[in-house]
N, C-alpha and C. Protein backbone atom coordinates (compact mmCIF):
# COMPACT_ATOMS: atom_id res chain seq x y z
N UNK A 1 -9.66 9.94 -14.04
CA UNK A 1 -8.70 8.94 -14.47
C UNK A 1 -7.45 9.02 -13.59
N UNK A 2 -6.89 7.88 -13.32
CA UNK A 2 -5.74 7.79 -12.44
C UNK A 2 -4.46 8.19 -13.18
N UNK A 3 -3.59 8.89 -12.49
CA UNK A 3 -2.30 9.27 -13.05
C UNK A 3 -1.25 8.20 -12.80
N UNK A 4 -1.59 7.17 -12.06
CA UNK A 4 -0.65 6.12 -11.69
C UNK A 4 -0.66 5.01 -12.74
N UNK A 5 0.52 4.60 -13.17
CA UNK A 5 0.67 3.52 -14.14
C UNK A 5 0.82 2.20 -13.38
N UNK A 6 -0.26 1.46 -13.30
CA UNK A 6 -0.25 0.23 -12.51
C UNK A 6 0.54 -0.90 -13.15
N UNK A 7 0.89 -0.77 -14.42
CA UNK A 7 1.70 -1.81 -15.04
C UNK A 7 3.08 -1.89 -14.39
N UNK A 8 3.54 -0.78 -13.83
CA UNK A 8 4.84 -0.76 -13.14
C UNK A 8 4.73 -1.31 -11.72
N UNK A 9 3.50 -1.47 -11.22
CA UNK A 9 3.30 -1.87 -9.83
C UNK A 9 2.81 -3.30 -9.67
N UNK A 10 2.64 -4.01 -10.77
CA UNK A 10 2.07 -5.37 -10.71
C UNK A 10 2.85 -6.31 -9.81
N UNK A 11 4.14 -6.13 -9.68
CA UNK A 11 4.95 -7.07 -8.91
C UNK A 11 5.18 -6.64 -7.46
N UNK A 12 4.48 -5.62 -6.99
CA UNK A 12 4.63 -5.21 -5.60
C UNK A 12 4.12 -6.31 -4.67
N UNK A 13 4.90 -6.60 -3.65
CA UNK A 13 4.50 -7.63 -2.69
C UNK A 13 3.88 -6.98 -1.45
N UNK A 14 3.24 -7.81 -0.65
CA UNK A 14 2.65 -7.33 0.60
C UNK A 14 3.72 -6.72 1.50
N UNK A 15 4.87 -7.35 1.55
CA UNK A 15 5.96 -6.84 2.39
C UNK A 15 6.41 -5.44 1.93
N UNK A 16 6.52 -5.23 0.61
CA UNK A 16 6.94 -3.92 0.10
C UNK A 16 5.91 -2.84 0.41
N UNK A 17 4.63 -3.17 0.28
CA UNK A 17 3.57 -2.21 0.59
C UNK A 17 3.62 -1.84 2.07
N UNK A 18 3.76 -2.84 2.93
CA UNK A 18 3.80 -2.58 4.38
C UNK A 18 5.01 -1.73 4.75
N UNK A 19 6.15 -2.02 4.14
CA UNK A 19 7.36 -1.24 4.41
C UNK A 19 7.18 0.22 3.97
N UNK A 20 6.55 0.43 2.81
CA UNK A 20 6.31 1.78 2.31
C UNK A 20 5.33 2.53 3.22
N UNK A 21 4.32 1.85 3.69
CA UNK A 21 3.37 2.48 4.61
C UNK A 21 4.08 2.96 5.87
N UNK A 22 4.92 2.11 6.43
CA UNK A 22 5.64 2.48 7.65
C UNK A 22 6.61 3.63 7.39
N UNK A 23 7.23 3.63 6.22
CA UNK A 23 8.15 4.70 5.86
C UNK A 23 7.40 6.04 5.71
N UNK A 24 6.14 5.95 5.30
CA UNK A 24 5.33 7.16 5.09
C UNK A 24 4.64 7.63 6.38
N UNK A 25 4.90 7.00 7.50
CA UNK A 25 4.34 7.47 8.76
C UNK A 25 3.15 6.68 9.27
N UNK A 26 2.78 5.60 8.60
CA UNK A 26 1.70 4.75 9.09
C UNK A 26 2.26 3.81 10.15
N UNK A 27 1.44 3.47 11.12
CA UNK A 27 1.85 2.49 12.14
C UNK A 27 0.87 1.33 12.13
N UNK A 28 1.39 0.15 12.41
CA UNK A 28 0.56 -1.04 12.45
C UNK A 28 -0.30 -0.97 13.71
N UNK A 29 -1.60 -0.92 13.52
CA UNK A 29 -2.53 -0.81 14.64
C UNK A 29 -2.96 -2.18 15.12
N UNK A 30 -3.30 -3.07 14.18
CA UNK A 30 -3.73 -4.40 14.58
C UNK A 30 -3.59 -5.38 13.41
N UNK A 31 -3.57 -6.65 13.77
CA UNK A 31 -3.56 -7.72 12.80
C UNK A 31 -4.74 -8.62 13.12
N UNK A 32 -5.53 -8.90 12.10
CA UNK A 32 -6.69 -9.77 12.30
C UNK A 32 -6.74 -10.75 11.14
N UNK A 33 -6.60 -12.01 11.46
CA UNK A 33 -6.57 -13.06 10.46
C UNK A 33 -5.43 -12.77 9.49
N UNK A 34 -5.73 -12.59 8.20
CA UNK A 34 -4.66 -12.33 7.23
C UNK A 34 -4.65 -10.87 6.79
N UNK A 35 -5.16 -9.97 7.60
CA UNK A 35 -5.21 -8.56 7.25
C UNK A 35 -4.47 -7.73 8.30
N UNK A 36 -3.73 -6.76 7.81
CA UNK A 36 -3.02 -5.83 8.70
C UNK A 36 -3.64 -4.45 8.54
N UNK A 37 -3.93 -3.79 9.64
CA UNK A 37 -4.54 -2.47 9.62
C UNK A 37 -3.49 -1.44 10.05
N UNK A 38 -3.22 -0.49 9.17
CA UNK A 38 -2.29 0.60 9.45
C UNK A 38 -3.07 1.90 9.59
N UNK A 39 -2.60 2.77 10.48
CA UNK A 39 -3.23 4.07 10.66
C UNK A 39 -2.16 5.16 10.59
N UNK A 40 -2.58 6.35 10.18
CA UNK A 40 -1.70 7.51 10.08
C UNK A 40 -2.23 8.57 11.03
N UNK A 41 -1.38 9.44 11.48
CA UNK A 41 -1.80 10.51 12.40
C UNK A 41 -2.87 11.42 11.82
N UNK A 42 -2.89 11.56 10.48
CA UNK A 42 -3.88 12.44 9.87
C UNK A 42 -5.24 11.77 9.65
N UNK A 43 -5.39 10.52 10.11
CA UNK A 43 -6.67 9.85 10.05
C UNK A 43 -6.82 8.80 8.96
N UNK A 44 -5.86 8.72 8.05
CA UNK A 44 -5.95 7.71 6.99
C UNK A 44 -5.79 6.31 7.60
N UNK A 45 -6.56 5.36 7.06
CA UNK A 45 -6.46 3.97 7.49
C UNK A 45 -6.30 3.10 6.26
N UNK A 46 -5.42 2.12 6.37
CA UNK A 46 -5.15 1.21 5.25
C UNK A 46 -5.20 -0.22 5.78
N UNK A 47 -5.93 -1.07 5.07
CA UNK A 47 -5.98 -2.49 5.38
C UNK A 47 -5.26 -3.23 4.26
N UNK A 48 -4.25 -4.01 4.64
CA UNK A 48 -3.45 -4.75 3.66
C UNK A 48 -3.70 -6.25 3.87
N UNK A 49 -4.23 -6.93 2.84
CA UNK A 49 -4.34 -8.39 2.94
C UNK A 49 -2.95 -9.00 2.89
N UNK A 50 -2.59 -9.75 3.89
CA UNK A 50 -1.20 -10.22 4.04
C UNK A 50 -1.23 -11.69 4.42
N UNK A 51 -1.17 -12.57 3.44
CA UNK A 51 -1.12 -13.99 3.75
C UNK A 51 0.30 -14.53 3.75
N UNK A 52 1.08 -14.12 2.76
CA UNK A 52 2.50 -14.48 2.71
C UNK A 52 3.29 -13.26 2.25
N UNK A 53 4.54 -13.18 2.66
CA UNK A 53 5.39 -12.03 2.32
C UNK A 53 5.47 -11.75 0.83
N UNK A 54 5.55 -12.78 0.02
CA UNK A 54 5.77 -12.61 -1.41
C UNK A 54 4.51 -12.49 -2.24
N UNK A 55 3.35 -12.44 -1.60
CA UNK A 55 2.09 -12.32 -2.35
C UNK A 55 2.00 -10.99 -3.07
N UNK A 56 1.53 -11.04 -4.30
CA UNK A 56 1.25 -9.82 -5.05
C UNK A 56 -0.26 -9.60 -5.04
N UNK A 57 -0.70 -8.45 -5.53
CA UNK A 57 -2.10 -8.08 -5.45
C UNK A 57 -2.75 -7.99 -6.82
N UNK A 58 -4.05 -8.21 -6.85
CA UNK A 58 -4.82 -7.93 -8.05
C UNK A 58 -4.83 -6.41 -8.24
N UNK A 59 -5.00 -5.94 -9.46
CA UNK A 59 -4.96 -4.51 -9.75
C UNK A 59 -6.01 -3.75 -8.94
N UNK A 60 -7.20 -4.30 -8.81
CA UNK A 60 -8.25 -3.62 -8.05
C UNK A 60 -7.89 -3.45 -6.58
N UNK A 61 -7.32 -4.47 -5.99
CA UNK A 61 -6.89 -4.40 -4.59
C UNK A 61 -5.76 -3.40 -4.44
N UNK A 62 -4.81 -3.44 -5.35
CA UNK A 62 -3.69 -2.51 -5.32
C UNK A 62 -4.17 -1.07 -5.45
N UNK A 63 -5.11 -0.83 -6.35
CA UNK A 63 -5.68 0.51 -6.52
C UNK A 63 -6.39 0.99 -5.27
N UNK A 64 -7.10 0.09 -4.61
CA UNK A 64 -7.79 0.46 -3.38
C UNK A 64 -6.80 0.86 -2.29
N UNK A 65 -5.75 0.06 -2.12
CA UNK A 65 -4.75 0.35 -1.09
C UNK A 65 -4.03 1.66 -1.39
N UNK A 66 -3.60 1.85 -2.63
CA UNK A 66 -2.78 3.01 -2.99
C UNK A 66 -3.59 4.30 -3.09
N UNK A 67 -4.67 4.27 -3.85
CA UNK A 67 -5.39 5.53 -4.13
C UNK A 67 -6.50 5.85 -3.14
N UNK A 68 -7.29 4.87 -2.78
CA UNK A 68 -8.45 5.15 -1.93
C UNK A 68 -8.09 5.21 -0.45
N UNK A 69 -7.26 4.28 0.00
CA UNK A 69 -6.96 4.22 1.43
C UNK A 69 -5.75 5.08 1.82
N UNK A 70 -4.61 4.83 1.19
CA UNK A 70 -3.39 5.59 1.53
C UNK A 70 -3.40 6.98 0.91
N UNK A 71 -4.18 7.14 -0.17
CA UNK A 71 -4.27 8.41 -0.91
C UNK A 71 -2.91 8.87 -1.42
N UNK A 72 -2.16 7.94 -2.01
CA UNK A 72 -0.86 8.24 -2.59
C UNK A 72 -1.03 8.67 -4.04
N UNK A 73 -0.17 9.57 -4.47
CA UNK A 73 -0.11 9.99 -5.87
C UNK A 73 1.12 9.33 -6.52
N UNK A 74 1.29 9.55 -7.81
CA UNK A 74 2.47 9.01 -8.50
C UNK A 74 3.75 9.59 -7.88
N UNK A 75 3.71 10.86 -7.48
CA UNK A 75 4.88 11.48 -6.85
C UNK A 75 5.20 10.81 -5.52
N UNK A 76 4.18 10.44 -4.76
CA UNK A 76 4.40 9.74 -3.49
C UNK A 76 5.04 8.37 -3.74
N UNK A 77 4.57 7.68 -4.76
CA UNK A 77 5.12 6.36 -5.06
C UNK A 77 6.58 6.46 -5.48
N UNK A 78 6.93 7.52 -6.19
CA UNK A 78 8.35 7.72 -6.54
C UNK A 78 9.17 8.05 -5.30
N UNK A 79 8.65 8.90 -4.44
CA UNK A 79 9.35 9.26 -3.21
C UNK A 79 9.60 8.05 -2.32
N UNK A 80 8.64 7.12 -2.31
CA UNK A 80 8.76 5.92 -1.48
C UNK A 80 9.57 4.81 -2.15
N UNK A 81 9.96 5.03 -3.41
CA UNK A 81 10.78 4.06 -4.12
C UNK A 81 10.01 2.88 -4.68
N UNK A 82 8.69 3.02 -4.82
CA UNK A 82 7.90 1.93 -5.36
C UNK A 82 7.87 1.93 -6.88
N UNK A 83 8.06 3.09 -7.50
CA UNK A 83 8.21 3.19 -8.96
C UNK A 83 9.40 4.10 -9.24
N UNK A 84 9.95 3.96 -10.44
CA UNK A 84 11.10 4.79 -10.80
C UNK A 84 10.69 5.88 -11.75
């Protein structure tokens, strides 16, 4: 079971996710169509669907980006300022 409370993250936009990724050490590797691919030195890769700056994500997509790809915990999300 996830320790992350996604009800607090429902309003995260694509721009906020991308900014947090860059703050955490990810770099934009490529852009293809409406997807941005970020990579980290430790080998993690994150693909963010990015059609418009203000777009929010479905819970499943958000969970994939946060937990499966970026491998962030609740503590990481607090450190990055995404939750309080």
